[in-house]
Every structure is written in C-alpha cells, then in structure tokens.
N, C-alpha and C. Protein backbone atom coordinates (compact mmCIF):
# COMPACT_ATOMS: atom_id res chain seq x y z
N MET A 1 24.18 -40.24 23.22
CA MET A 1 23.03 -40.79 23.05
C MET A 1 22.14 -41.50 24.25
N PRO A 2 20.88 -41.27 24.18
CA PRO A 2 20.23 -42.01 25.41
C PRO A 2 19.99 -43.43 25.08
N ASP A 3 20.18 -44.36 26.10
CA ASP A 3 20.06 -45.80 25.82
C ASP A 3 18.40 -46.07 25.88
N THR A 4 18.29 -47.19 26.08
CA THR A 4 16.65 -47.80 25.77
C THR A 4 15.63 -47.54 27.06
N GLU A 5 16.63 -46.79 28.14
CA GLU A 5 15.67 -46.38 29.13
C GLU A 5 15.56 -44.68 29.29
N GLY A 6 16.10 -44.31 28.12
CA GLY A 6 16.17 -42.61 28.27
C GLY A 6 17.22 -42.09 28.83
N ARG A 7 18.14 -42.58 29.29
CA ARG A 7 19.57 -41.98 29.87
C ARG A 7 20.63 -41.89 28.93
N LEU A 8 21.47 -40.66 29.41
CA LEU A 8 22.69 -40.63 28.59
C LEU A 8 23.66 -41.51 28.75
N SER A 9 24.06 -41.90 27.66
CA SER A 9 25.57 -42.89 27.78
C SER A 9 26.40 -41.97 28.54
N GLU A 10 27.64 -43.12 28.93
CA GLU A 10 28.77 -42.43 29.79
C GLU A 10 29.56 -41.58 28.73
N THR A 11 29.75 -41.88 27.63
CA THR A 11 30.32 -41.09 26.68
C THR A 11 29.71 -39.70 26.22
N THR A 12 28.70 -39.75 26.25
CA THR A 12 28.01 -38.40 25.74
C THR A 12 27.91 -37.54 27.25
N HIS A 13 27.85 -38.21 28.30
CA HIS A 13 28.05 -37.13 29.36
C HIS A 13 29.57 -36.89 29.70
N GLN A 14 30.52 -37.59 29.20
CA GLN A 14 31.99 -37.02 29.39
C GLN A 14 32.01 -35.92 28.50
N GLU A 15 31.50 -36.25 27.14
CA GLU A 15 31.65 -34.97 26.31
C GLU A 15 31.03 -33.52 26.76
N ALA A 16 30.20 -33.87 27.14
CA ALA A 16 29.40 -32.48 27.83
C ALA A 16 30.15 -32.02 28.87
N MET A 17 30.81 -33.01 29.69
CA MET A 17 31.83 -32.18 30.75
C MET A 17 33.02 -31.52 30.04
N VAL A 18 33.66 -32.16 29.17
CA VAL A 18 34.68 -31.58 28.35
C VAL A 18 34.44 -30.33 27.82
N SER A 19 33.30 -30.06 27.22
CA SER A 19 32.82 -28.91 26.35
C SER A 19 32.64 -27.69 27.36
N ARG A 20 32.55 -27.87 28.83
CA ARG A 20 32.22 -26.81 29.86
C ARG A 20 33.57 -26.46 29.95
N PRO A 21 33.89 -24.91 30.18
CA PRO A 21 35.03 -24.09 30.59
C PRO A 21 35.17 -24.42 31.71
N PRO A 22 36.61 -24.28 32.18
CA PRO A 22 36.93 -24.40 33.68
C PRO A 22 36.71 -23.32 34.33
N ASP A 23 36.66 -23.29 35.69
CA ASP A 23 36.09 -21.97 36.59
C ASP A 23 36.73 -20.81 36.14
N GLY A 24 38.03 -20.92 35.83
CA GLY A 24 38.88 -19.69 35.77
C GLY A 24 38.46 -18.98 34.56
N ASP A 25 37.79 -19.63 33.30
CA ASP A 25 37.49 -19.10 32.29
C ASP A 25 35.87 -18.62 32.43
N GLN A 26 35.23 -18.82 33.79
CA GLN A 26 33.89 -18.68 33.81
C GLN A 26 33.63 -17.04 33.54
N GLU A 27 34.68 -16.29 34.21
CA GLU A 27 34.64 -14.87 34.04
C GLU A 27 34.58 -14.21 32.67
N THR A 28 35.56 -14.92 32.23
CA THR A 28 35.91 -14.71 30.76
C THR A 28 34.67 -14.99 29.93
N ASP A 29 34.23 -15.94 30.09
CA ASP A 29 32.63 -16.45 29.50
C ASP A 29 31.49 -15.39 30.04
N LEU A 30 31.56 -15.10 31.12
CA LEU A 30 30.33 -14.15 31.57
C LEU A 30 30.60 -12.88 30.90
N ALA A 31 31.91 -12.28 30.80
CA ALA A 31 32.14 -11.03 30.04
C ALA A 31 31.70 -10.96 28.41
N ARG A 32 32.01 -12.27 27.82
CA ARG A 32 31.59 -12.38 26.54
C ARG A 32 30.12 -12.46 26.31
N LEU A 33 29.74 -13.19 27.12
CA LEU A 33 28.15 -13.30 27.30
C LEU A 33 27.49 -11.69 27.56
N GLY A 34 28.19 -11.37 28.55
CA GLY A 34 27.65 -9.80 28.47
C GLY A 34 27.74 -8.93 27.61
N ARG A 35 28.87 -9.23 26.58
CA ARG A 35 28.98 -8.25 25.21
C ARG A 35 28.00 -9.00 24.25
N GLU A 36 27.64 -9.98 24.22
CA GLU A 36 26.82 -10.46 23.14
C GLU A 36 25.41 -10.08 23.32
N LEU A 37 25.21 -9.86 24.69
CA LEU A 37 23.63 -9.56 25.41
C LEU A 37 23.73 -8.19 24.90
N ASP A 38 24.51 -7.60 25.08
CA ASP A 38 24.47 -5.80 24.63
C ASP A 38 24.39 -5.72 23.33
N GLU A 39 25.00 -6.73 22.48
CA GLU A 39 24.97 -6.68 20.89
C GLU A 39 23.34 -6.92 20.59
N VAL A 40 23.19 -7.83 21.07
CA VAL A 40 21.73 -8.38 20.80
C VAL A 40 20.84 -7.52 21.07
N LYS A 41 20.68 -6.74 22.09
CA LYS A 41 20.16 -5.59 22.82
C LYS A 41 19.96 -4.47 21.37
N GLY A 42 21.21 -4.28 21.22
CA GLY A 42 21.39 -2.92 20.34
C GLY A 42 20.71 -3.56 18.89
N GLN A 43 21.08 -4.68 18.59
CA GLN A 43 20.27 -5.05 17.29
C GLN A 43 18.76 -5.02 17.28
N LEU A 44 18.06 -5.39 18.44
CA LEU A 44 16.65 -5.42 18.77
C LEU A 44 16.32 -3.99 18.81
N TRP A 45 16.90 -2.97 19.48
CA TRP A 45 16.52 -1.69 19.39
C TRP A 45 16.62 -1.36 17.89
N GLU A 46 17.36 -1.37 16.98
CA GLU A 46 17.80 -0.99 15.88
C GLU A 46 16.48 -1.48 14.86
N LEU A 47 16.11 -2.82 15.18
CA LEU A 47 15.03 -3.25 14.41
C LEU A 47 13.69 -2.69 14.89
N GLN A 48 13.72 -2.25 16.16
CA GLN A 48 12.43 -1.74 16.53
C GLN A 48 12.13 -0.21 15.97
N LYS A 49 13.45 0.37 15.98
CA LYS A 49 13.51 1.70 15.45
C LYS A 49 13.02 1.57 13.94
N LYS A 50 13.64 0.70 13.29
CA LYS A 50 12.95 0.37 11.67
C LYS A 50 11.88 0.23 11.58
N GLU A 51 11.28 -0.74 12.44
CA GLU A 51 9.79 -1.12 12.34
C GLU A 51 8.82 0.34 12.82
N LYS A 52 8.96 1.12 13.75
CA LYS A 52 8.57 2.15 13.99
C LYS A 52 8.51 3.07 12.53
N GLN A 53 9.99 3.51 12.10
CA GLN A 53 9.69 4.19 10.97
C GLN A 53 9.10 3.40 9.46
N SER A 54 9.10 2.12 9.83
CA SER A 54 8.17 1.42 8.57
C SER A 54 6.68 1.91 8.82
N GLU A 55 6.25 2.10 10.05
CA GLU A 55 4.86 2.01 10.19
C GLU A 55 4.60 3.55 10.01
N ARG A 56 5.28 4.71 10.60
CA ARG A 56 5.10 5.67 10.18
C ARG A 56 5.33 6.18 8.62
N THR A 57 6.08 5.65 7.68
CA THR A 57 5.92 5.72 6.32
C THR A 57 4.54 4.96 5.98
N SER A 58 4.33 3.74 6.10
CA SER A 58 3.06 3.24 5.85
C SER A 58 1.90 4.39 6.09
N ALA A 59 1.78 4.75 7.33
CA ALA A 59 0.79 5.65 7.63
C ALA A 59 0.89 7.00 6.86
N GLU A 60 1.77 7.35 6.47
CA GLU A 60 1.97 8.64 5.44
C GLU A 60 1.45 8.40 4.29
N ARG A 61 1.82 7.17 3.76
CA ARG A 61 1.52 6.47 2.26
C ARG A 61 0.04 6.65 2.42
N ILE A 62 -0.77 6.01 3.24
CA ILE A 62 -2.06 5.52 3.59
C ILE A 62 -2.83 6.99 3.48
N ALA A 63 -2.55 7.95 4.42
CA ALA A 63 -2.86 9.15 4.30
C ALA A 63 -2.84 9.96 2.96
N THR A 64 -1.59 9.78 2.28
CA THR A 64 -1.62 10.18 1.22
C THR A 64 -2.71 9.82 -0.02
N LEU A 65 -2.86 8.37 0.09
CA LEU A 65 -3.84 7.50 -0.96
C LEU A 65 -5.22 8.15 -0.64
N GLU A 66 -5.33 8.08 0.72
CA GLU A 66 -6.82 8.71 1.19
C GLU A 66 -7.33 9.99 0.57
N LYS A 67 -6.08 10.97 0.52
CA LYS A 67 -6.50 12.54 0.15
C LYS A 67 -6.84 12.57 -1.53
N ASP A 68 -5.61 11.49 -1.97
CA ASP A 68 -5.70 11.36 -3.67
C ASP A 68 -7.28 10.88 -4.00
N LEU A 69 -7.55 9.94 -2.93
CA LEU A 69 -8.94 9.27 -3.38
C LEU A 69 -10.08 10.38 -3.27
N LYS A 70 -9.99 11.18 -2.21
CA LYS A 70 -10.92 12.08 -2.06
C LYS A 70 -11.09 13.16 -3.27
N ALA A 71 -9.68 13.50 -3.92
CA ALA A 71 -9.56 14.52 -4.87
C ALA A 71 -10.16 13.54 -6.04
N ALA A 72 -9.86 12.47 -6.39
CA ALA A 72 -10.22 11.95 -7.62
C ALA A 72 -11.97 11.71 -7.46
N ARG A 73 -12.58 11.66 -6.15
CA ARG A 73 -14.03 11.59 -6.17
C ARG A 73 -14.41 12.65 -6.50
N ALA A 74 -13.81 13.65 -6.15
CA ALA A 74 -14.23 15.04 -6.36
C ALA A 74 -14.07 15.40 -7.82
N TYR A 75 -13.20 15.12 -8.38
CA TYR A 75 -13.04 15.28 -9.84
C TYR A 75 -14.26 14.46 -10.67
N THR A 76 -14.27 12.93 -10.07
CA THR A 76 -15.57 12.26 -10.67
C THR A 76 -16.93 13.06 -10.73
N LEU A 77 -17.13 13.59 -9.51
CA LEU A 77 -18.22 14.29 -9.16
C LEU A 77 -18.47 15.74 -10.22
N ASP A 78 -17.32 16.53 -10.25
CA ASP A 78 -17.29 17.43 -11.42
C ASP A 78 -17.57 17.11 -12.64
N ALA A 79 -16.84 15.79 -13.20
CA ALA A 79 -16.94 15.67 -14.34
C ALA A 79 -18.65 14.85 -14.71
N GLY A 80 -19.02 14.47 -13.47
CA GLY A 80 -20.72 13.92 -13.91
C GLY A 80 -21.54 15.32 -14.09
N LEU A 81 -21.36 16.20 -13.15
CA LEU A 81 -22.18 17.46 -13.37
C LEU A 81 -21.87 17.98 -14.42
N ALA A 82 -20.70 18.15 -15.15
CA ALA A 82 -20.32 18.90 -16.22
C ALA A 82 -21.16 18.39 -17.38
N ARG A 83 -21.06 16.60 -17.42
CA ARG A 83 -21.76 15.96 -18.62
C ARG A 83 -23.22 16.15 -18.53
N ILE A 84 -23.67 16.25 -17.47
CA ILE A 84 -25.37 16.30 -17.33
C ILE A 84 -25.53 17.86 -17.85
N GLU A 85 -24.80 18.86 -17.48
CA GLU A 85 -24.85 20.12 -17.87
C GLU A 85 -24.81 20.12 -19.45
N ALA A 86 -23.79 19.54 -19.74
CA ALA A 86 -23.63 19.44 -21.44
C ALA A 86 -25.07 18.77 -22.14
N GLU A 87 -25.25 17.80 -21.49
CA GLU A 87 -26.28 16.78 -22.35
C GLU A 87 -27.37 17.92 -22.15
N GLY A 88 -27.92 18.51 -21.18
CA GLY A 88 -29.10 19.59 -21.26
C GLY A 88 -28.89 20.74 -22.03
N LYS A 89 -27.82 21.02 -22.21
CA LYS A 89 -27.43 22.16 -23.21
C LYS A 89 -27.79 21.47 -24.49
N LEU A 90 -27.39 20.28 -24.89
CA LEU A 90 -27.49 19.80 -26.19
C LEU A 90 -28.88 19.64 -26.29
N ARG A 91 -29.63 19.17 -25.46
CA ARG A 91 -31.17 18.96 -25.63
C ARG A 91 -31.76 20.34 -25.93
N ALA A 92 -31.35 21.31 -25.15
CA ALA A 92 -31.84 22.45 -25.49
C ALA A 92 -31.57 23.24 -26.73
N LEU A 93 -30.37 23.04 -27.39
CA LEU A 93 -30.25 23.17 -28.63
C LEU A 93 -30.75 22.63 -30.09
N ARG A 94 -30.97 21.44 -29.75
CA ARG A 94 -31.90 20.49 -30.51
C ARG A 94 -33.25 20.87 -30.72
N ALA A 95 -33.79 21.20 -29.44
CA ALA A 95 -35.19 21.73 -29.28
C ALA A 95 -35.34 22.93 -30.32
N ALA A 96 -34.19 23.96 -30.19
CA ALA A 96 -34.38 25.25 -30.74
C ALA A 96 -34.01 25.01 -32.30
N ILE A 97 -33.25 24.12 -32.50
CA ILE A 97 -32.99 23.92 -34.04
C ILE A 97 -34.46 23.22 -34.53
N MET A 98 -34.93 22.43 -33.92
CA MET A 98 -36.10 21.71 -34.48
C MET A 98 -37.18 22.89 -34.40
N GLY A 99 -37.32 23.75 -33.65
CA GLY A 99 -38.30 24.75 -33.48
C GLY A 99 -38.04 26.09 -34.76
N VAL A 100 -37.14 26.12 -35.43
CA VAL A 100 -36.81 27.22 -36.23
C VAL A 100 -38.00 26.98 -37.40
N PRO A 101 -38.51 27.81 -38.06
CA PRO A 101 -39.48 27.63 -39.03
C PRO A 101 -38.75 27.55 -40.28
N GLY A 102 -39.55 27.22 -41.30
CA GLY A 102 -39.03 27.83 -42.80
C GLY A 102 -37.89 27.03 -43.34
N LEU A 103 -37.32 27.78 -44.39
CA LEU A 103 -36.17 27.36 -44.84
C LEU A 103 -34.95 27.11 -44.05
N SER A 104 -34.82 28.38 -43.47
CA SER A 104 -33.86 28.33 -42.28
C SER A 104 -33.75 27.15 -41.46
N GLY A 105 -34.82 26.65 -40.99
CA GLY A 105 -35.25 25.70 -40.06
C GLY A 105 -34.63 24.38 -40.57
N TRP A 106 -35.03 24.27 -42.12
CA TRP A 106 -34.63 23.15 -42.71
C TRP A 106 -33.42 23.00 -42.80
N LEU A 107 -32.69 24.13 -43.37
CA LEU A 107 -31.27 24.04 -43.56
C LEU A 107 -30.55 23.71 -42.04
N LEU A 108 -30.92 24.36 -41.03
CA LEU A 108 -30.40 23.80 -39.98
C LEU A 108 -30.45 22.33 -39.55
N ARG A 109 -31.58 21.81 -39.62
CA ARG A 109 -31.99 20.52 -39.24
C ARG A 109 -31.05 19.69 -40.09
N ARG A 110 -30.96 20.02 -41.46
CA ARG A 110 -30.17 19.13 -42.49
C ARG A 110 -28.61 19.26 -41.95
N ALA A 111 -28.12 20.35 -41.76
CA ALA A 111 -26.85 20.57 -41.07
C ALA A 111 -26.55 19.75 -39.88
N ALA A 112 -27.36 19.91 -38.80
CA ALA A 112 -27.16 19.23 -37.75
C ALA A 112 -27.53 17.32 -37.96
N ARG A 113 -28.17 17.12 -38.94
CA ARG A 113 -28.16 15.83 -39.14
C ARG A 113 -26.98 15.35 -39.82
N LYS A 114 -26.41 15.96 -40.81
CA LYS A 114 -25.00 15.76 -41.45
C LYS A 114 -23.83 15.73 -40.29
N LEU A 115 -24.08 16.62 -39.51
CA LEU A 115 -22.74 16.77 -38.30
C LEU A 115 -22.95 15.47 -37.13
N VAL A 116 -24.20 15.07 -37.07
CA VAL A 116 -24.51 13.86 -36.03
C VAL A 116 -24.24 12.74 -36.94
N ASP A 117 -24.35 12.70 -38.14
CA ASP A 117 -23.95 11.40 -39.24
C ASP A 117 -22.29 11.23 -39.02
N SER A 118 -21.82 12.42 -39.38
CA SER A 118 -20.12 12.20 -39.68
C SER A 118 -19.43 12.26 -38.34
N ALA A 119 -20.11 12.59 -36.92
CA ALA A 119 -19.58 12.13 -35.79
C ALA A 119 -19.30 10.65 -35.52
N GLN A 120 -20.56 10.01 -35.86
CA GLN A 120 -20.73 8.46 -35.62
C GLN A 120 -19.79 7.80 -36.55
C-alpha cells in the first residue's frame, strides 16, 4: 500500500519480490508465456476468420436484398401499368354502354348500374 508520500510500504515490496519466480524457473516461465502467446495468436486468427466470414455473409445478404428490392419495384411498376390499362378499358366499356341507343342501351345501362351497385 502506498504511504502518504506515494511510496510502497516495505511489506508490499516484499510480497512483490516473493511472487517473482526464481532464476531457474524463468526458462519455464518463458516457455509457458510463448505457448500462451501462440494460443492467443490462434484465437485472434480464428476471430479474424469469423469476422471475414461474417462480412462476406452480410455482403451476400445485402446483395440479395438489393436484387429482391429491384424485383419488387419491377412488380410494382407492372401492377401500376396494368391498373392504368384496366381503368382505360373500363372507361371505354362504360362509354360504349352509354352510347348504345334504344331499348338495348337502356337494358345494358340498367344491368351495368345494378352490377356497380352490387359490387359496392
């Protein structure tokens, strides 16, 4: 523990000296530390490998989503064009029904009106 002047007390200094290995064990310690270093390097390599795989997978998913988005936009455009075409044909049909003269025209207009009323 530091005293009031910031120095280590004598007992703390002695404890630090006791925890150091003797000179004969330094080679054993060095070998152990080398093995630990190799192990940590291996773990780091595995993490980097997983990170690259994750990045690759994410890039593939993003590419798939972009492709699907383009397809969805194309379907939306096709649906919009089909709707415009159908509305145009409906207007033409209504104009044709309204233009039929006589009893046949009256019957067609009445049937069309009932059809529209029943659809709503």
